[in-house]
N, C-alpha and C. Protein backbone atom coordinates (compact mmCIF):
# COMPACT_ATOMS: atom_id res chain seq x y z
N MET A 1 0.85 -1.19 0.00
CA MET A 1 0.00 0.00 0.00
C MET A 1 0.89 1.25 0.00
N SER A 2 0.43 2.21 -0.73
CA SER A 2 1.18 3.46 -0.87
C SER A 2 0.91 4.38 0.32
N ASP A 3 1.87 5.27 0.57
CA ASP A 3 1.67 6.30 1.58
C ASP A 3 1.20 7.60 0.95
N SER A 4 1.09 7.63 -0.39
CA SER A 4 0.74 8.89 -1.03
C SER A 4 -0.74 9.20 -0.84
N ILE A 5 -1.03 10.50 -0.89
CA ILE A 5 -2.36 11.01 -0.63
C ILE A 5 -2.91 11.67 -1.89
N ALA A 6 -4.15 11.37 -2.21
CA ALA A 6 -4.87 12.07 -3.27
C ALA A 6 -5.78 13.10 -2.62
N TYR A 7 -5.68 14.32 -3.08
CA TYR A 7 -6.51 15.43 -2.60
C TYR A 7 -7.29 15.91 -3.80
N THR A 8 -8.61 15.83 -3.72
CA THR A 8 -9.47 16.16 -4.85
C THR A 8 -10.38 17.31 -4.49
N VAL A 9 -10.43 18.29 -5.38
CA VAL A 9 -11.37 19.40 -5.27
C VAL A 9 -12.35 19.24 -6.44
N SER A 10 -13.63 19.08 -6.11
CA SER A 10 -14.68 18.99 -7.12
C SER A 10 -15.35 20.34 -7.23
N ALA A 11 -15.68 20.73 -8.45
CA ALA A 11 -16.36 22.00 -8.67
C ALA A 11 -17.43 21.81 -9.73
N THR A 12 -18.64 22.20 -9.38
CA THR A 12 -19.76 22.17 -10.30
C THR A 12 -20.17 23.61 -10.57
N PHE A 13 -20.28 23.95 -11.84
CA PHE A 13 -20.52 25.33 -12.27
C PHE A 13 -21.89 25.46 -12.92
N SER A 14 -22.59 26.55 -12.62
CA SER A 14 -23.84 26.83 -13.32
C SER A 14 -23.57 27.47 -14.67
N SER A 15 -22.35 27.97 -14.87
CA SER A 15 -21.96 28.61 -16.13
C SER A 15 -20.65 27.99 -16.62
N CYS A 16 -20.67 27.45 -17.83
CA CYS A 16 -19.45 26.88 -18.39
C CYS A 16 -18.41 27.96 -18.68
N ALA A 17 -18.83 29.19 -18.89
CA ALA A 17 -17.87 30.28 -19.08
C ALA A 17 -17.06 30.50 -17.82
N VAL A 18 -17.71 30.41 -16.66
CA VAL A 18 -16.99 30.54 -15.39
C VAL A 18 -16.06 29.34 -15.21
N ALA A 19 -16.51 28.16 -15.61
CA ALA A 19 -15.65 26.97 -15.54
C ALA A 19 -14.39 27.17 -16.38
N ASP A 20 -14.53 27.76 -17.56
CA ASP A 20 -13.37 28.03 -18.41
C ASP A 20 -12.41 29.00 -17.73
N GLU A 21 -12.94 30.02 -17.07
CA GLU A 21 -12.10 30.97 -16.31
C GLU A 21 -11.34 30.24 -15.21
N TRP A 22 -12.05 29.36 -14.51
CA TRP A 22 -11.47 28.61 -13.39
C TRP A 22 -10.31 27.74 -13.88
N ILE A 23 -10.52 27.04 -15.01
CA ILE A 23 -9.47 26.18 -15.56
C ILE A 23 -8.26 27.03 -15.97
N ALA A 24 -8.52 28.17 -16.58
CA ALA A 24 -7.41 29.06 -16.96
C ALA A 24 -6.63 29.53 -15.73
N TRP A 25 -7.34 29.81 -14.64
CA TRP A 25 -6.68 30.21 -13.39
C TRP A 25 -5.85 29.06 -12.83
N LEU A 26 -6.42 27.84 -12.85
CA LEU A 26 -5.68 26.68 -12.36
C LEU A 26 -4.38 26.50 -13.14
N THR A 27 -4.49 26.49 -14.46
CA THR A 27 -3.33 26.21 -15.31
C THR A 27 -2.40 27.41 -15.42
N GLY A 28 -2.90 28.59 -15.07
CA GLY A 28 -2.10 29.80 -15.15
C GLY A 28 -1.25 30.08 -13.94
N GLY A 29 -1.22 29.18 -12.96
CA GLY A 29 -0.35 29.39 -11.81
C GLY A 29 -0.78 28.69 -10.54
N HIS A 30 -2.08 28.47 -10.36
CA HIS A 30 -2.53 27.87 -9.10
C HIS A 30 -1.97 26.46 -8.91
N ILE A 31 -2.04 25.64 -9.94
CA ILE A 31 -1.51 24.28 -9.82
C ILE A 31 -0.03 24.32 -9.47
N ALA A 32 0.71 25.19 -10.11
CA ALA A 32 2.15 25.32 -9.82
C ALA A 32 2.39 25.69 -8.36
N GLU A 33 1.53 26.53 -7.80
CA GLU A 33 1.69 26.91 -6.39
C GLU A 33 1.42 25.73 -5.46
N VAL A 34 0.42 24.91 -5.79
CA VAL A 34 0.15 23.73 -4.97
C VAL A 34 1.32 22.75 -5.06
N ILE A 35 1.88 22.62 -6.24
CA ILE A 35 3.05 21.74 -6.39
C ILE A 35 4.23 22.30 -5.59
N ARG A 36 4.43 23.60 -5.62
CA ARG A 36 5.49 24.19 -4.78
C ARG A 36 5.20 23.94 -3.30
N GLY A 37 3.93 23.80 -2.94
CA GLY A 37 3.55 23.54 -1.56
C GLY A 37 3.68 22.08 -1.15
N GLY A 38 4.05 21.20 -2.09
CA GLY A 38 4.30 19.81 -1.72
C GLY A 38 3.67 18.75 -2.59
N ALA A 39 2.72 19.11 -3.45
CA ALA A 39 2.12 18.11 -4.33
C ALA A 39 3.15 17.64 -5.35
N THR A 40 3.02 16.40 -5.79
CA THR A 40 3.93 15.87 -6.80
C THR A 40 3.40 16.09 -8.20
N ASP A 41 2.07 16.17 -8.36
CA ASP A 41 1.47 16.38 -9.67
C ASP A 41 0.00 16.75 -9.48
N ALA A 42 -0.63 17.05 -10.60
CA ALA A 42 -2.06 17.39 -10.59
C ALA A 42 -2.66 17.06 -11.93
N GLU A 43 -3.95 16.80 -11.93
CA GLU A 43 -4.67 16.59 -13.17
C GLU A 43 -6.06 17.20 -13.04
N ILE A 44 -6.54 17.76 -14.13
CA ILE A 44 -7.90 18.31 -14.17
C ILE A 44 -8.74 17.32 -14.97
N VAL A 45 -9.86 16.90 -14.39
CA VAL A 45 -10.72 15.91 -15.01
C VAL A 45 -12.09 16.53 -15.25
N HIS A 46 -12.54 16.50 -16.52
CA HIS A 46 -13.90 16.92 -16.86
C HIS A 46 -14.76 15.68 -16.71
N LEU A 47 -15.70 15.71 -15.76
CA LEU A 47 -16.49 14.53 -15.44
C LEU A 47 -17.55 14.26 -16.51
N ASP A 48 -17.66 12.99 -16.86
CA ASP A 48 -18.67 12.57 -17.83
C ASP A 48 -20.07 12.82 -17.30
N GLY A 49 -20.97 13.13 -18.21
CA GLY A 49 -22.38 13.24 -17.86
C GLY A 49 -22.79 14.59 -17.30
N ASP A 50 -21.87 15.50 -17.16
CA ASP A 50 -22.21 16.82 -16.64
C ASP A 50 -21.33 17.84 -17.35
N GLU A 51 -21.95 18.69 -18.11
CA GLU A 51 -21.21 19.60 -18.97
C GLU A 51 -20.23 20.49 -18.21
N CYS A 52 -20.57 20.90 -17.00
CA CYS A 52 -19.75 21.89 -16.30
C CYS A 52 -19.35 21.40 -14.90
N ARG A 53 -18.85 20.19 -14.83
CA ARG A 53 -18.38 19.65 -13.55
C ARG A 53 -16.98 19.08 -13.73
N TYR A 54 -16.10 19.50 -12.83
CA TYR A 54 -14.68 19.14 -12.93
C TYR A 54 -14.15 18.70 -11.58
N GLU A 55 -13.06 17.95 -11.65
CA GLU A 55 -12.27 17.65 -10.46
C GLU A 55 -10.82 17.99 -10.76
N ILE A 56 -10.17 18.53 -9.78
CA ILE A 56 -8.72 18.67 -9.85
C ILE A 56 -8.16 17.75 -8.79
N ARG A 57 -7.28 16.87 -9.21
CA ARG A 57 -6.71 15.87 -8.30
C ARG A 57 -5.22 16.13 -8.15
N TYR A 58 -4.85 16.34 -6.90
CA TYR A 58 -3.44 16.54 -6.56
C TYR A 58 -2.96 15.30 -5.82
N HIS A 59 -1.70 14.97 -6.00
CA HIS A 59 -1.09 13.86 -5.26
C HIS A 59 0.04 14.41 -4.39
N PHE A 60 0.08 13.93 -3.18
CA PHE A 60 1.11 14.30 -2.21
C PHE A 60 1.85 13.02 -1.81
N PRO A 61 3.16 13.08 -1.60
CA PRO A 61 3.94 11.87 -1.33
C PRO A 61 3.64 11.21 0.01
N SER A 62 3.06 11.95 0.95
CA SER A 62 2.75 11.37 2.25
C SER A 62 1.70 12.23 2.95
N ARG A 63 1.10 11.67 3.98
CA ARG A 63 0.13 12.43 4.77
C ARG A 63 0.81 13.59 5.49
N ASP A 64 2.05 13.41 5.92
CA ASP A 64 2.78 14.50 6.57
C ASP A 64 3.00 15.68 5.63
N VAL A 65 3.35 15.40 4.39
CA VAL A 65 3.54 16.48 3.42
C VAL A 65 2.21 17.17 3.15
N PHE A 66 1.12 16.39 3.06
CA PHE A 66 -0.20 16.99 2.85
C PHE A 66 -0.59 17.87 4.05
N ARG A 67 -0.34 17.39 5.26
CA ARG A 67 -0.65 18.19 6.45
C ARG A 67 0.13 19.51 6.45
N ALA A 68 1.39 19.45 6.06
CA ALA A 68 2.19 20.68 5.99
C ALA A 68 1.61 21.62 4.94
N TYR A 69 1.16 21.07 3.81
CA TYR A 69 0.51 21.90 2.79
C TYR A 69 -0.74 22.56 3.37
N GLU A 70 -1.57 21.77 4.04
CA GLU A 70 -2.81 22.32 4.62
C GLU A 70 -2.53 23.42 5.62
N GLN A 71 -1.49 23.27 6.40
CA GLN A 71 -1.16 24.24 7.44
C GLN A 71 -0.50 25.49 6.86
N ASN A 72 0.43 25.32 5.93
CA ASN A 72 1.28 26.41 5.51
C ASN A 72 0.89 27.08 4.19
N HIS A 73 0.13 26.39 3.35
CA HIS A 73 -0.15 26.92 2.02
C HIS A 73 -1.65 27.00 1.70
N ALA A 74 -2.40 25.99 2.10
CA ALA A 74 -3.80 25.91 1.72
C ALA A 74 -4.65 27.11 2.13
N PRO A 75 -4.50 27.65 3.33
CA PRO A 75 -5.37 28.78 3.69
C PRO A 75 -5.27 29.95 2.71
N ARG A 76 -4.05 30.30 2.33
CA ARG A 76 -3.86 31.42 1.39
C ARG A 76 -4.39 31.06 0.01
N LEU A 77 -4.08 29.86 -0.47
CA LEU A 77 -4.50 29.47 -1.82
C LEU A 77 -6.02 29.31 -1.91
N ARG A 78 -6.63 28.75 -0.87
CA ARG A 78 -8.09 28.62 -0.88
C ARG A 78 -8.76 29.98 -0.83
N ALA A 79 -8.22 30.89 -0.03
CA ALA A 79 -8.79 32.23 0.06
C ALA A 79 -8.71 32.94 -1.29
N GLU A 80 -7.58 32.79 -1.97
CA GLU A 80 -7.44 33.39 -3.31
C GLU A 80 -8.48 32.81 -4.27
N GLY A 81 -8.63 31.50 -4.24
CA GLY A 81 -9.61 30.86 -5.11
C GLY A 81 -11.03 31.30 -4.83
N LEU A 82 -11.38 31.39 -3.56
CA LEU A 82 -12.75 31.80 -3.20
C LEU A 82 -12.99 33.27 -3.48
N GLU A 83 -11.94 34.07 -3.47
CA GLU A 83 -12.10 35.48 -3.83
C GLU A 83 -12.42 35.61 -5.32
N ARG A 84 -11.73 34.84 -6.13
CA ARG A 84 -11.95 34.89 -7.58
C ARG A 84 -13.20 34.13 -8.01
N PHE A 85 -13.48 33.03 -7.33
CA PHE A 85 -14.55 32.13 -7.72
C PHE A 85 -15.43 31.77 -6.52
N PRO A 86 -16.15 32.76 -5.99
CA PRO A 86 -17.01 32.49 -4.84
C PRO A 86 -18.27 31.72 -5.25
N ALA A 87 -18.92 31.15 -4.27
CA ALA A 87 -20.16 30.42 -4.52
C ALA A 87 -21.20 31.30 -5.21
N SER A 88 -21.15 32.60 -4.97
CA SER A 88 -22.11 33.52 -5.59
C SER A 88 -21.99 33.56 -7.11
N ARG A 89 -20.91 33.01 -7.66
CA ARG A 89 -20.77 32.93 -9.12
C ARG A 89 -21.34 31.62 -9.66
N GLY A 90 -22.06 30.90 -8.81
CA GLY A 90 -22.73 29.67 -9.25
C GLY A 90 -21.84 28.45 -9.22
N ILE A 91 -20.98 28.38 -8.20
CA ILE A 91 -20.04 27.26 -8.07
C ILE A 91 -20.30 26.53 -6.75
N VAL A 92 -20.32 25.22 -6.83
CA VAL A 92 -20.42 24.39 -5.63
C VAL A 92 -19.14 23.56 -5.55
N TYR A 93 -18.44 23.67 -4.42
CA TYR A 93 -17.18 22.96 -4.21
C TYR A 93 -17.35 21.82 -3.22
N ALA A 94 -16.51 20.80 -3.39
CA ALA A 94 -16.38 19.72 -2.42
C ALA A 94 -14.92 19.29 -2.43
N ARG A 95 -14.41 18.90 -1.26
CA ARG A 95 -13.02 18.44 -1.15
C ARG A 95 -13.01 17.07 -0.48
N THR A 96 -12.14 16.21 -0.99
CA THR A 96 -11.95 14.88 -0.39
C THR A 96 -10.47 14.54 -0.39
N THR A 97 -10.08 13.68 0.52
CA THR A 97 -8.73 13.15 0.55
C THR A 97 -8.83 11.62 0.69
N GLY A 98 -7.78 10.95 0.27
CA GLY A 98 -7.73 9.50 0.44
C GLY A 98 -6.33 9.00 0.19
N THR A 99 -6.09 7.79 0.64
CA THR A 99 -4.80 7.13 0.44
C THR A 99 -4.81 6.44 -0.92
N VAL A 100 -3.76 6.65 -1.70
CA VAL A 100 -3.64 6.03 -3.01
C VAL A 100 -3.25 4.56 -2.78
N VAL A 101 -4.01 3.64 -3.35
CA VAL A 101 -3.75 2.21 -3.15
C VAL A 101 -3.19 1.53 -4.40
N GLY A 102 -3.13 2.23 -5.49
CA GLY A 102 -2.60 1.60 -6.69
C GLY A 102 -2.30 2.59 -7.76
């Protein structure tokens, strides 16, 4: 069993134009900042069956590295994201974590 952690942020948009802005923001620097904070990689997944629903999945090498990210980097990065893309723009967010098993 792996010690690596998957951290997933799901976002459902009422407007695909806002989703496009969000993806541009992610690829324009946000993902790089999360990687600088300890993630090893990231992928953006457009979910089947829903035109404007996405997940961004980050991988961290261990739970300790993820905890350090949550403590030292996540508050600032989440605040920046919510300032640019608040729920009032028609976005519903969910976050999950889990241990990578394969």
